[in-house]
Each structure stands twice: as structure tokens, then as C-alpha cells.
Amino acid sequence: MTSLVFVYGTLKQGLPNHYLIEDKQSGICIPRGAAVTMEKYPLIIASEYNIPFMLFKPGRGHNITGELYEVDKIRLEKLDELEAHPKLYERLQIRVRVPSDDGKNDEENTLTAEAYLLVKFRHDLLNFQMMGTYGNHIEGKQYISPNSRGDFSNKWWSEVHTEYDNTNKTVVKS
């Protein structure tokens, strides 16, 4: 069984984490082309590592441009690991539109795909600049990959997620 996954950030072609998409040893991953979210979402860059986040706030922001991949369970587990699903990002179903040869935006070109969204985000993130597409050098903010961070803890999660507190590196209980 396979799933369609919509990627909008560092997993896109030419960006730092695309190697996980290209890895031939970690399950099936078939490129299915470009896609755009049907709903608008905030896409921001945040944290000290300049990470792209698509916030779960449908109707706000922009229609996000990304790529679709058909993946098997093995590849999905690898992507979940990178995205820290479900602790940081949550993999949710969204509707996307794929471009048609005739340029029409009809229902035939609309699909359901899974995407990694930040659901439990700090609401001040809605004040960050929102974009419709992500590139690695937006506003001089270059993504810093996990291997280049030095500090392998997740204490930076408190910068974006409502359930983490970096003062004692624990989950905040509601």
C-alpha cells in the first residue's frame, strides 16, 4: 500500500533533505510532480535553524506550492522520523491540485495527500512573514540541517511548539 505525500520545504528537489526522497535503499518513492494546496496555509521560516513550517491554520496565508511523491510504508516511516511525527509535526490529509496539460483547475486535478503540518504552534508564529513557496535562501535565512547543528537536543522545539518548554526540556502539560 502506498500514500501520496505533499512536500513543501527541505524535502523538495534541490533542497537539503531531498536525499531522503532519492534514497533507493529506503522503500518506494515515486515522483508525481508539482502540486499546490487547495486551501491557503501559513508557510513560515522559524527557529534558530531556519526551518520551514506549514502551520495548521487553514484559510490563512497562501496556497502552498510543493511536490507530490507516492511512498510506501518504509519510506513514510523515514519521513516521519525526519519530521518528528507526531511529536513536532503532524502528518495530516490535505487537498492539493496538480497542474493539468490544458491548464484547467477542475475536480479531476484535485487529490488528497498527506503533509507534515505544525498543529500545536505558538500563535506568535502567525506574525511571521508568510510565503507561498519555500527555497533554501529566503531573506538570507539558510536552513541548518540536523547534522550541522552541533546540539542534537530538541530544546529548540519550544520556539515553535506549544507543548515544549526549553527551560527544563520537558513537555508542558495542559
C-alpha atoms as a PDB file:
ATOM      1  CA  MET A   1       0.000   0.000   0.000  1.00  0.00           C
ATOM      2  CA  THR A   2       1.258   3.473  -0.857  1.00  0.00           C
ATOM      3  CA  SER A   3       0.435   7.018   0.219  1.00  0.00           C
ATOM      4  CA  LEU A   4       0.665  10.362  -1.544  1.00  0.00           C
ATOM      5  CA  VAL A   5       2.829  12.845   0.346  1.00  0.00           C
ATOM      6  CA  PHE A   6       2.949  16.577  -0.368  1.00  0.00           C
ATOM      7  CA  VAL A   7       6.326  18.150   0.465  1.00  0.00           C
ATOM      8  CA  TYR A   8       6.800  21.925   0.595  1.00  0.00           C
ATOM      9  CA  GLY A   9      10.127  22.512   2.360  1.00  0.00           C
ATOM     10  CA  THR A  10      13.558  20.955   2.644  1.00  0.00           C
ATOM     11  CA  LEU A  11      12.397  17.650   1.106  1.00  0.00           C
ATOM     12  CA  LYS A  12      11.773  19.300  -2.279  1.00  0.00           C
ATOM     13  CA  GLN A  13      14.089  18.625  -5.193  1.00  0.00           C
ATOM     14  CA  GLY A  14      17.383  20.509  -4.900  1.00  0.00           C
ATOM     15  CA  LEU A  15      16.998  21.189  -1.177  1.00  0.00           C
ATOM     16  CA  PRO A  16      18.985  19.760   1.762  1.00  0.00           C
ATOM     17  CA  ASN A  17      16.732  16.858   2.839  1.00  0.00           C
ATOM     18  CA  HIS A  18      15.802  15.673  -0.648  1.00  0.00           C
ATOM     19  CA  TYR A  19      18.357  12.883  -0.203  1.00  0.00           C
ATOM     20  CA  LEU A  20      15.642  11.080   1.810  1.00  0.00           C
ATOM     21  CA  ILE A  21      13.424  11.173  -1.261  1.00  0.00           C
ATOM     22  CA  GLU A  22      16.229   9.976  -3.558  1.00  0.00           C
ATOM     23  CA  ASP A  23      17.459   7.164  -1.257  1.00  0.00           C
ATOM     24  CA  LYS A  24      16.902   3.946  -3.224  1.00  0.00           C
ATOM     25  CA  GLN A  25      17.540   1.757  -0.152  1.00  0.00           C
ATOM     26  CA  SER A  26      14.638   3.030   1.984  1.00  0.00           C
ATOM     27  CA  GLY A  27      11.448   1.845   0.342  1.00  0.00           C
ATOM     28  CA  ILE A  28       9.487   3.092  -2.629  1.00  0.00           C
ATOM     29  CA  CYS A  29       9.247   6.748  -3.584  1.00  0.00           C
ATOM     30  CA  ILE A  30       7.800   7.751  -6.950  1.00  0.00           C
ATOM     31  CA  PRO A  31       7.750  11.424  -8.009  1.00  0.00           C
ATOM     32  CA  ARG A  32       4.247  12.519  -9.056  1.00  0.00           C
ATOM     33  CA  GLY A  33       5.019  16.125  -9.970  1.00  0.00           C
ATOM     34  CA  ALA A  34       4.187  19.588  -8.769  1.00  0.00           C
ATOM     35  CA  ALA A  35       1.121  20.415  -6.704  1.00  0.00           C
ATOM     36  CA  VAL A  36      -0.483  23.366  -4.925  1.00  0.00           C
ATOM     37  CA  THR A  37      -2.617  23.262  -1.795  1.00  0.00           C
ATOM     38  CA  MET A  38      -6.311  23.893  -2.427  1.00  0.00           C
ATOM     39  CA  GLU A  39      -6.588  25.669   0.928  1.00  0.00           C
ATOM     40  CA  LYS A  40      -4.381  28.551   1.992  1.00  0.00           C
ATOM     41  CA  TYR A  41      -1.948  27.865   4.847  1.00  0.00           C
ATOM     42  CA  PRO A  42       0.748  29.933   6.573  1.00  0.00           C
ATOM     43  CA  LEU A  43       4.203  28.801   5.414  1.00  0.00           C
ATOM     44  CA  ILE A  44       6.905  30.412   7.545  1.00  0.00           C
ATOM     45  CA  ILE A  45      10.574  30.061   8.425  1.00  0.00           C
ATOM     46  CA  ALA A  46      11.207  29.812  12.168  1.00  0.00           C
ATOM     47  CA  SER A  47      13.566  28.584  14.890  1.00  0.00           C
ATOM     48  CA  GLU A  48      17.263  29.207  15.213  1.00  0.00           C
ATOM     49  CA  TYR A  49      17.733  26.624  12.425  1.00  0.00           C
ATOM     50  CA  ASN A  50      15.537  28.422   9.852  1.00  0.00           C
ATOM     51  CA  ILE A  51      13.144  25.525   9.416  1.00  0.00           C
ATOM     52  CA  PRO A  52      10.116  25.843   7.127  1.00  0.00           C
ATOM     53  CA  PHE A  53       6.803  25.179   8.851  1.00  0.00           C
ATOM     54  CA  MET A  54       3.367  24.900   7.302  1.00  0.00           C
ATOM     55  CA  LEU A  55       1.057  25.885  10.137  1.00  0.00           C
ATOM     56  CA  PHE A  56      -2.309  24.228  10.580  1.00  0.00           C
ATOM     57  CA  LYS A  57      -4.364  27.376  10.161  1.00  0.00           C
ATOM     58  CA  PRO A  58      -6.444  26.700   7.021  1.00  0.00           C
ATOM     59  CA  GLY A  59      -7.651  29.805   5.218  1.00  0.00           C
ATOM     60  CA  ARG A  60      -4.733  31.988   6.283  1.00  0.00           C
ATOM     61  CA  GLY A  61      -1.569  32.606   4.282  1.00  0.00           C
ATOM     62  CA  HIS A  62      -1.099  31.355   0.730  1.00  0.00           C
ATOM     63  CA  ASN A  63      -1.789  28.368  -1.474  1.00  0.00           C
ATOM     64  CA  ILE A  64       1.468  26.482  -0.982  1.00  0.00           C
ATOM     65  CA  THR A  65       3.485  25.176  -3.930  1.00  0.00           C
ATOM     66  CA  GLY A  66       5.232  21.851  -3.454  1.00  0.00           C
ATOM     67  CA  GLU A  67       5.832  18.374  -4.857  1.00  0.00           C
ATOM     68  CA  LEU A  68       3.924  15.103  -4.656  1.00  0.00           C
ATOM     69  CA  TYR A  69       5.520  11.725  -4.016  1.00  0.00           C
ATOM     70  CA  GLU A  70       3.955   8.293  -3.828  1.00  0.00           C
ATOM     71  CA  VAL A  71       5.643   6.437  -0.977  1.00  0.00           C
ATOM     72  CA  ASP A  72       5.362   3.053   0.707  1.00  0.00           C
ATOM     73  CA  LYS A  73       5.230   2.402   4.444  1.00  0.00           C
ATOM     74  CA  ILE A  74       9.026   2.070   4.749  1.00  0.00           C
ATOM     75  CA  ARG A  75       9.668   5.469   3.135  1.00  0.00           C
ATOM     76  CA  LEU A  76       6.834   7.051   5.110  1.00  0.00           C
ATOM     77  CA  GLU A  77       8.498   5.898   8.339  1.00  0.00           C
ATOM     78  CA  LYS A  78      11.773   7.560   7.246  1.00  0.00           C
ATOM     79  CA  LEU A  79       9.928  10.809   6.516  1.00  0.00           C
ATOM     80  CA  ASP A  80       8.092  10.574   9.848  1.00  0.00           C
ATOM     81  CA  GLU A  81      11.456  10.269  11.583  1.00  0.00           C
ATOM     82  CA  LEU A  82      12.832  13.417   9.930  1.00  0.00           C
ATOM     83  CA  GLU A  83       9.648  15.359  10.664  1.00  0.00           C
ATOM     84  CA  ALA A  84       9.393  14.040  14.255  1.00  0.00           C
ATOM     85  CA  HIS A  85       5.828  12.924  13.596  1.00  0.00           C
ATOM     86  CA  PRO A  86       3.693  13.047  15.699  1.00  0.00           C
ATOM     87  CA  LYS A  87       5.676  14.890  18.401  1.00  0.00           C
ATOM     88  CA  LEU A  88       6.572  18.020  16.396  1.00  0.00           C
ATOM     89  CA  TYR A  89       4.864  17.926  13.009  1.00  0.00           C
ATOM     90  CA  GLU A  90       1.653  16.015  12.453  1.00  0.00           C
ATOM     91  CA  ARG A  91       1.003  14.201   9.195  1.00  0.00           C
ATOM     92  CA  LEU A  92      -2.470  15.258   8.062  1.00  0.00           C
ATOM     93  CA  GLN A  93      -4.559  14.848   4.937  1.00  0.00           C
ATOM     94  CA  ILE A  94      -4.935  17.939   2.775  1.00  0.00           C
ATOM     95  CA  ARG A  95      -6.351  18.615  -0.684  1.00  0.00           C
ATOM     96  CA  VAL A  96      -3.931  19.549  -3.460  1.00  0.00           C
ATOM     97  CA  ARG A  97      -4.303  20.476  -7.102  1.00  0.00           C
ATOM     98  CA  VAL A  98      -1.969  19.131  -9.750  1.00  0.00           C
ATOM     99  CA  PRO A  99      -1.440  21.134 -12.935  1.00  0.00           C
ATOM    100  CA  SER A 100      -3.240  19.785 -15.963  1.00  0.00           C
ATOM    101  CA  ASP A 101      -1.999  19.821 -19.529  1.00  0.00           C
ATOM    102  CA  ASP A 102      -4.904  22.042 -20.544  1.00  0.00           C
ATOM    103  CA  GLY A 103      -4.490  24.482 -17.663  1.00  0.00           C
ATOM    104  CA  LYS A 104      -7.923  23.794 -16.196  1.00  0.00           C
ATOM    105  CA  ASN A 105      -8.463  23.664 -12.442  1.00  0.00           C
ATOM    106  CA  ASP A 106     -11.224  21.091 -12.385  1.00  0.00           C
ATOM    107  CA  GLU A 107     -12.061  18.436  -9.804  1.00  0.00           C
ATOM    108  CA  GLU A 108     -10.147  15.765 -11.766  1.00  0.00           C
ATOM    109  CA  ASN A 109      -6.932  17.572 -10.895  1.00  0.00           C
ATOM    110  CA  THR A 110      -7.651  17.584  -7.150  1.00  0.00           C
ATOM    111  CA  LEU A 111      -6.174  14.887  -4.925  1.00  0.00           C
ATOM    112  CA  THR A 112      -5.917  14.082  -1.242  1.00  0.00           C
ATOM    113  CA  ALA A 113      -2.342  13.860   0.011  1.00  0.00           C
ATOM    114  CA  GLU A 114      -0.639  13.797   3.376  1.00  0.00           C
ATOM    115  CA  ALA A 115       1.529  16.692   4.511  1.00  0.00           C
ATOM    116  CA  TYR A 116       3.524  17.489   7.632  1.00  0.00           C
ATOM    117  CA  LEU A 117       1.973  20.444   9.448  1.00  0.00           C
ATOM    118  CA  LEU A 118       2.742  22.146  12.717  1.00  0.00           C
ATOM    119  CA  VAL A 119      -0.587  21.890  14.551  1.00  0.00           C
ATOM    120  CA  LYS A 120       0.292  22.909  18.113  1.00  0.00           C
ATOM    121  CA  PHE A 121       2.172  26.061  17.178  1.00  0.00           C
ATOM    122  CA  ARG A 122       2.881  29.209  19.165  1.00  0.00           C
ATOM    123  CA  HIS A 123       0.393  31.780  17.934  1.00  0.00           C
ATOM    124  CA  ASP A 124       3.034  34.492  17.552  1.00  0.00           C
ATOM    125  CA  LEU A 125       4.236  32.488  14.523  1.00  0.00           C
ATOM    126  CA  LEU A 126       1.212  33.880  12.676  1.00  0.00           C
ATOM    127  CA  ASN A 127       3.022  37.251  12.758  1.00  0.00           C
ATOM    128  CA  PHE A 128       5.975  35.848  10.775  1.00  0.00           C
ATOM    129  CA  GLN A 129       6.255  36.566   7.068  1.00  0.00           C
ATOM    130  CA  MET A 130       4.202  34.008   5.125  1.00  0.00           C
ATOM    131  CA  MET A 131       5.191  32.705   1.717  1.00  0.00           C
ATOM    132  CA  GLY A 132       3.660  30.561  -0.999  1.00  0.00           C
ATOM    133  CA  THR A 133       6.789  28.611  -1.829  1.00  0.00           C
ATOM    134  CA  TYR A 134       9.964  27.697   0.046  1.00  0.00           C
ATOM    135  CA  GLY A 135      13.563  27.980  -1.097  1.00  0.00           C
ATOM    136  CA  ASN A 136      16.716  27.499   0.959  1.00  0.00           C
ATOM    137  CA  HIS A 137      17.862  31.150   0.955  1.00  0.00           C
ATOM    138  CA  ILE A 138      14.741  33.206   1.593  1.00  0.00           C
ATOM    139  CA  GLU A 139      15.551  36.580   3.196  1.00  0.00           C
ATOM    140  CA  GLY A 140      19.097  35.380   3.829  1.00  0.00           C
ATOM    141  CA  LYS A 141      17.812  32.628   6.116  1.00  0.00           C
ATOM    142  CA  GLN A 142      19.565  29.412   5.219  1.00  0.00           C
ATOM    143  CA  TYR A 143      18.265  26.132   6.627  1.00  0.00           C
ATOM    144  CA  ILE A 144      20.657  24.415   9.035  1.00  0.00           C
ATOM    145  CA  SER A 145      20.422  20.637   8.695  1.00  0.00           C
ATOM    146  CA  PRO A 146      20.344  18.359  11.761  1.00  0.00           C
ATOM    147  CA  ASN A 147      23.891  17.135  11.035  1.00  0.00           C
ATOM    148  CA  SER A 148      25.202  20.730  11.107  1.00  0.00           C
ATOM    149  CA  ARG A 149      23.520  21.824  14.344  1.00  0.00           C
ATOM    150  CA  GLY A 150      26.024  20.558  16.890  1.00  0.00           C
ATOM    151  CA  ASP A 151      23.328  20.441  19.578  1.00  0.00           C
ATOM    152  CA  PHE A 152      21.294  17.315  18.867  1.00  0.00           C
ATOM    153  CA  SER A 153      18.662  18.029  21.508  1.00  0.00           C
ATOM    154  CA  ASN A 154      15.177  19.167  20.641  1.00  0.00           C
ATOM    155  CA  LYS A 155      15.180  22.136  23.001  1.00  0.00           C
ATOM    156  CA  TRP A 156      14.567  24.456  20.019  1.00  0.00           C
ATOM    157  CA  TRP A 157      11.079  22.906  19.676  1.00  0.00           C
ATOM    158  CA  SER A 158       9.905  25.367  22.338  1.00  0.00           C
ATOM    159  CA  GLU A 159      10.470  28.174  19.810  1.00  0.00           C
ATOM    160  CA  VAL A 160       7.579  26.883  17.704  1.00  0.00           C
ATOM    161  CA  HIS A 161       5.549  24.254  19.580  1.00  0.00           C
ATOM    162  CA  THR A 162       3.139  24.970  22.451  1.00  0.00           C
ATOM    163  CA  GLU A 163       3.835  21.744  24.354  1.00  0.00           C
ATOM    164  CA  TYR A 164       7.588  22.152  24.874  1.00  0.00           C
ATOM    165  CA  ASP A 165       9.469  24.265  27.397  1.00  0.00           C
ATOM    166  CA  ASN A 166      13.184  24.821  26.752  1.00  0.00           C
ATOM    167  CA  THR A 167      13.990  25.861  30.322  1.00  0.00           C
ATOM    168  CA  ASN A 168      13.680  22.305  31.585  1.00  0.00           C
ATOM    169  CA  LYS A 169      13.485  20.483  28.230  1.00  0.00           C
ATOM    170  CA  THR A 170      10.202  18.805  29.092  1.00  0.00           C
ATOM    171  CA  VAL A 171       6.749  18.522  27.660  1.00  0.00           C
ATOM    172  CA  VAL A 172       4.404  21.143  29.086  1.00  0.00           C
ATOM    173  CA  LYS A 173       1.259  19.519  30.451  1.00  0.00           C
ATOM    174  CA  SER A 174      -2.018  21.259  29.600  1.00  0.00           C
END
